Amino acid sequence: MFGIGGGELVLIMFIALMLFGSDKIPEIARTLGKIMAQLKNATNDIKSEIQKGAEANGLDKTFQEMHGNFTGLTESIHKEISKAQTQMLADTTVKTDTAEEIEEIVGPIKRQK
């Protein structure tokens, strides 16, 4: 909770009690609660206005299209990478087979020298 431990919270509550008195603390808490609720409502209103503006200008569809395009691009990149990996493995297998064949052919020649 905001990096405040139990001891610090008790100290803050004790200082608030000493400064404002026991009869003012509930009033202050209610006021802070109302302020927090108003702030939350204001941010929700701002979010909804931004969303309505984006929908009115067609930006939400544009973002959805961009997301679809990026998703398609990433899928095609993954497919190309898989193909490249498969091709590399096939090339490695061919090179290994060729190297083994050359070694079989050259092996007896090397021994004759």
C-alpha atoms as a PDB file:
ATOM      1  CA  MET A   1       0.000   0.000   0.000  1.00  0.00           C
ATOM      2  CA  PHE A   2       2.124   2.884  -1.338  1.00  0.00           C
ATOM      3  CA  GLY A   3       5.220   1.470   0.359  1.00  0.00           C
ATOM      4  CA  ILE A   4       3.851   2.303   3.811  1.00  0.00           C
ATOM      5  CA  GLY A   5       4.130  -0.392   6.442  1.00  0.00           C
ATOM      6  CA  GLY A   6       1.916  -1.011   9.451  1.00  0.00           C
ATOM      7  CA  GLY A   7       4.061   1.003  11.854  1.00  0.00           C
ATOM      8  CA  GLU A   8       4.154   4.037   9.587  1.00  0.00           C
ATOM      9  CA  LEU A   9       0.391   3.850   9.066  1.00  0.00           C
ATOM     10  CA  VAL A  10      -0.231   3.771  12.833  1.00  0.00           C
ATOM     11  CA  LEU A  11       2.086   6.770  13.294  1.00  0.00           C
ATOM     12  CA  ILE A  12       0.282   8.741  10.561  1.00  0.00           C
ATOM     13  CA  MET A  13      -3.096   7.906  12.106  1.00  0.00           C
ATOM     14  CA  PHE A  14      -1.838   8.965  15.540  1.00  0.00           C
ATOM     15  CA  ILE A  15      -0.534  12.284  14.194  1.00  0.00           C
ATOM     16  CA  ALA A  16      -3.827  12.898  12.322  1.00  0.00           C
ATOM     17  CA  LEU A  17      -5.757  12.150  15.509  1.00  0.00           C
ATOM     18  CA  MET A  18      -3.603  14.595  17.473  1.00  0.00           C
ATOM     19  CA  LEU A  19      -3.918  17.352  14.844  1.00  0.00           C
ATOM     20  CA  PHE A  20      -7.612  17.127  13.999  1.00  0.00           C
ATOM     21  CA  GLY A  21      -9.203  15.432  16.996  1.00  0.00           C
ATOM     22  CA  SER A  22     -11.472  12.415  17.126  1.00  0.00           C
ATOM     23  CA  ASP A  23     -14.615  14.303  16.073  1.00  0.00           C
ATOM     24  CA  LYS A  24     -13.090  15.687  12.820  1.00  0.00           C
ATOM     25  CA  ILE A  25     -11.512  12.425  11.511  1.00  0.00           C
ATOM     26  CA  PRO A  26     -14.806  10.853  10.227  1.00  0.00           C
ATOM     27  CA  GLU A  27     -15.671  14.126   8.486  1.00  0.00           C
ATOM     28  CA  ILE A  28     -12.266  14.251   6.791  1.00  0.00           C
ATOM     29  CA  ALA A  29     -12.556  10.591   5.725  1.00  0.00           C
ATOM     30  CA  ARG A  30     -16.015  11.237   4.204  1.00  0.00           C
ATOM     31  CA  THR A  31     -14.700  14.272   2.353  1.00  0.00           C
ATOM     32  CA  LEU A  32     -11.725  12.321   1.012  1.00  0.00           C
ATOM     33  CA  GLY A  33     -14.063   9.518  -0.083  1.00  0.00           C
ATOM     34  CA  LYS A  34     -16.274  11.979  -1.968  1.00  0.00           C
ATOM     35  CA  ILE A  35     -13.231  13.560  -3.641  1.00  0.00           C
ATOM     36  CA  MET A  36     -11.949  10.140  -4.716  1.00  0.00           C
ATOM     37  CA  ALA A  37     -15.375   9.209  -6.129  1.00  0.00           C
ATOM     38  CA  GLN A  38     -15.581  12.502  -8.064  1.00  0.00           C
ATOM     39  CA  LEU A  39     -12.077  11.977  -9.423  1.00  0.00           C
ATOM     40  CA  LYS A  40     -12.963   8.436 -10.525  1.00  0.00           C
ATOM     41  CA  ASN A  41     -16.156   9.637 -12.219  1.00  0.00           C
ATOM     42  CA  ALA A  42     -14.265  12.434 -13.976  1.00  0.00           C
ATOM     43  CA  THR A  43     -11.642  10.033 -15.359  1.00  0.00           C
ATOM     44  CA  ASN A  44     -14.368   7.629 -16.518  1.00  0.00           C
ATOM     45  CA  ASP A  45     -16.147  10.526 -18.260  1.00  0.00           C
ATOM     46  CA  ILE A  46     -12.922  11.558 -19.981  1.00  0.00           C
ATOM     47  CA  LYS A  47     -12.288   7.979 -21.112  1.00  0.00           C
ATOM     48  CA  SER A  48     -15.795   7.639 -22.512  1.00  0.00           C
ATOM     49  CA  GLU A  49     -15.502  10.978 -24.359  1.00  0.00           C
ATOM     50  CA  ILE A  50     -12.212   9.896 -25.917  1.00  0.00           C
ATOM     51  CA  GLN A  51     -13.775   6.568 -26.928  1.00  0.00           C
ATOM     52  CA  LYS A  52     -16.819   8.325 -28.450  1.00  0.00           C
ATOM     53  CA  GLY A  53     -14.544  10.703 -30.364  1.00  0.00           C
ATOM     54  CA  ALA A  54     -12.480   7.812 -31.695  1.00  0.00           C
ATOM     55  CA  GLU A  55     -15.615   5.964 -32.802  1.00  0.00           C
ATOM     56  CA  ALA A  56     -17.015   9.097 -34.455  1.00  0.00           C
ATOM     57  CA  ASN A  57     -13.835   9.629 -36.448  1.00  0.00           C
ATOM     58  CA  GLY A  58     -13.473   5.957 -37.339  1.00  0.00           C
ATOM     59  CA  LEU A  59     -10.203   5.603 -35.473  1.00  0.00           C
ATOM     60  CA  ASP A  60     -11.337   2.515 -33.615  1.00  0.00           C
ATOM     61  CA  LYS A  61     -11.838   0.671 -36.902  1.00  0.00           C
ATOM     62  CA  THR A  62      -8.461   1.901 -38.117  1.00  0.00           C
ATOM     63  CA  PHE A  63      -6.796   0.537 -34.994  1.00  0.00           C
ATOM     64  CA  GLN A  64      -8.607  -2.774 -35.402  1.00  0.00           C
ATOM     65  CA  GLU A  65      -7.474  -2.965 -39.036  1.00  0.00           C
ATOM     66  CA  MET A  66      -3.901  -2.157 -38.017  1.00  0.00           C
ATOM     67  CA  HIS A  67      -4.049  -4.852 -35.351  1.00  0.00           C
ATOM     68  CA  GLY A  68      -5.310  -7.347 -37.930  1.00  0.00           C
ATOM     69  CA  ASN A  69      -2.550  -6.350 -40.345  1.00  0.00           C
ATOM     70  CA  PHE A  70       0.125  -6.717 -37.678  1.00  0.00           C
ATOM     71  CA  THR A  71      -1.283 -10.073 -36.640  1.00  0.00           C
ATOM     72  CA  GLY A  72      -1.219 -11.254 -40.249  1.00  0.00           C
ATOM     73  CA  LEU A  73       2.338  -9.994 -40.695  1.00  0.00           C
ATOM     74  CA  THR A  74       3.574 -11.731 -37.575  1.00  0.00           C
ATOM     75  CA  GLU A  75       1.929 -14.972 -38.641  1.00  0.00           C
ATOM     76  CA  SER A  76       3.544 -14.782 -42.087  1.00  0.00           C
ATOM     77  CA  ILE A  77       6.930 -14.022 -40.480  1.00  0.00           C
ATOM     78  CA  HIS A  78       6.549 -17.065 -38.224  1.00  0.00           C
ATOM     79  CA  LYS A  79       5.719 -19.220 -41.260  1.00  0.00           C
ATOM     80  CA  GLU A  80       8.745 -17.917 -43.168  1.00  0.00           C
ATOM     81  CA  ILE A  81      11.009 -18.550 -40.202  1.00  0.00           C
ATOM     82  CA  SER A  82       9.668 -22.104 -39.908  1.00  0.00           C
ATOM     83  CA  LYS A  83      10.299 -22.671 -43.621  1.00  0.00           C
ATOM     84  CA  ALA A  84      13.832 -21.281 -43.295  1.00  0.00           C
ATOM     85  CA  GLN A  85      14.536 -23.515 -40.302  1.00  0.00           C
ATOM     86  CA  THR A  86      13.230 -26.552 -42.157  1.00  0.00           C
ATOM     87  CA  GLN A  87      15.350 -25.669 -45.191  1.00  0.00           C
ATOM     88  CA  MET A  88      18.439 -25.151 -43.034  1.00  0.00           C
ATOM     89  CA  LEU A  89      17.937 -28.534 -41.399  1.00  0.00           C
ATOM     90  CA  ALA A  90      17.498 -30.143 -44.806  1.00  0.00           C
ATOM     91  CA  ASP A  91      20.653 -28.409 -46.097  1.00  0.00           C
ATOM     92  CA  THR A  92      22.582 -29.538 -43.039  1.00  0.00           C
ATOM     93  CA  THR A  93      21.420 -33.120 -43.577  1.00  0.00           C
ATOM     94  CA  VAL A  94      22.463 -32.979 -47.248  1.00  0.00           C
ATOM     95  CA  LYS A  95      25.842 -31.496 -46.325  1.00  0.00           C
ATOM     96  CA  THR A  96      26.386 -34.162 -43.681  1.00  0.00           C
ATOM     97  CA  ASP A  97      25.434 -36.929 -46.087  1.00  0.00           C
ATOM     98  CA  THR A  98      27.705 -35.445 -48.767  1.00  0.00           C
ATOM     99  CA  ALA A  99      30.567 -35.074 -46.308  1.00  0.00           C
ATOM    100  CA  GLU A 100      30.171 -38.699 -45.235  1.00  0.00           C
ATOM    101  CA  GLU A 101      30.146 -39.843 -48.875  1.00  0.00           C
ATOM    102  CA  ILE A 102      33.285 -37.819 -49.634  1.00  0.00           C
ATOM    103  CA  GLU A 103      34.974 -39.239 -46.554  1.00  0.00           C
ATOM    104  CA  GLU A 104      34.113 -42.766 -47.681  1.00  0.00           C
ATOM    105  CA  ILE A 105      35.604 -42.059 -51.114  1.00  0.00           C
ATOM    106  CA  VAL A 106      38.666 -40.128 -49.925  1.00  0.00           C
ATOM    107  CA  GLY A 107      39.368 -42.351 -46.941  1.00  0.00           C
ATOM    108  CA  PRO A 108      40.927 -45.205 -48.925  1.00  0.00           C
ATOM    109  CA  ILE A 109      42.883 -42.724 -51.081  1.00  0.00           C
ATOM    110  CA  LYS A 110      44.404 -41.079 -48.025  1.00  0.00           C
ATOM    111  CA  ARG A 111      45.535 -44.414 -46.663  1.00  0.00           C
ATOM    112  CA  GLN A 112      47.298 -45.368 -49.896  1.00  0.00           C
ATOM    113  CA  LYS A 113      49.753 -42.487 -49.750  1.00  0.00           C
END
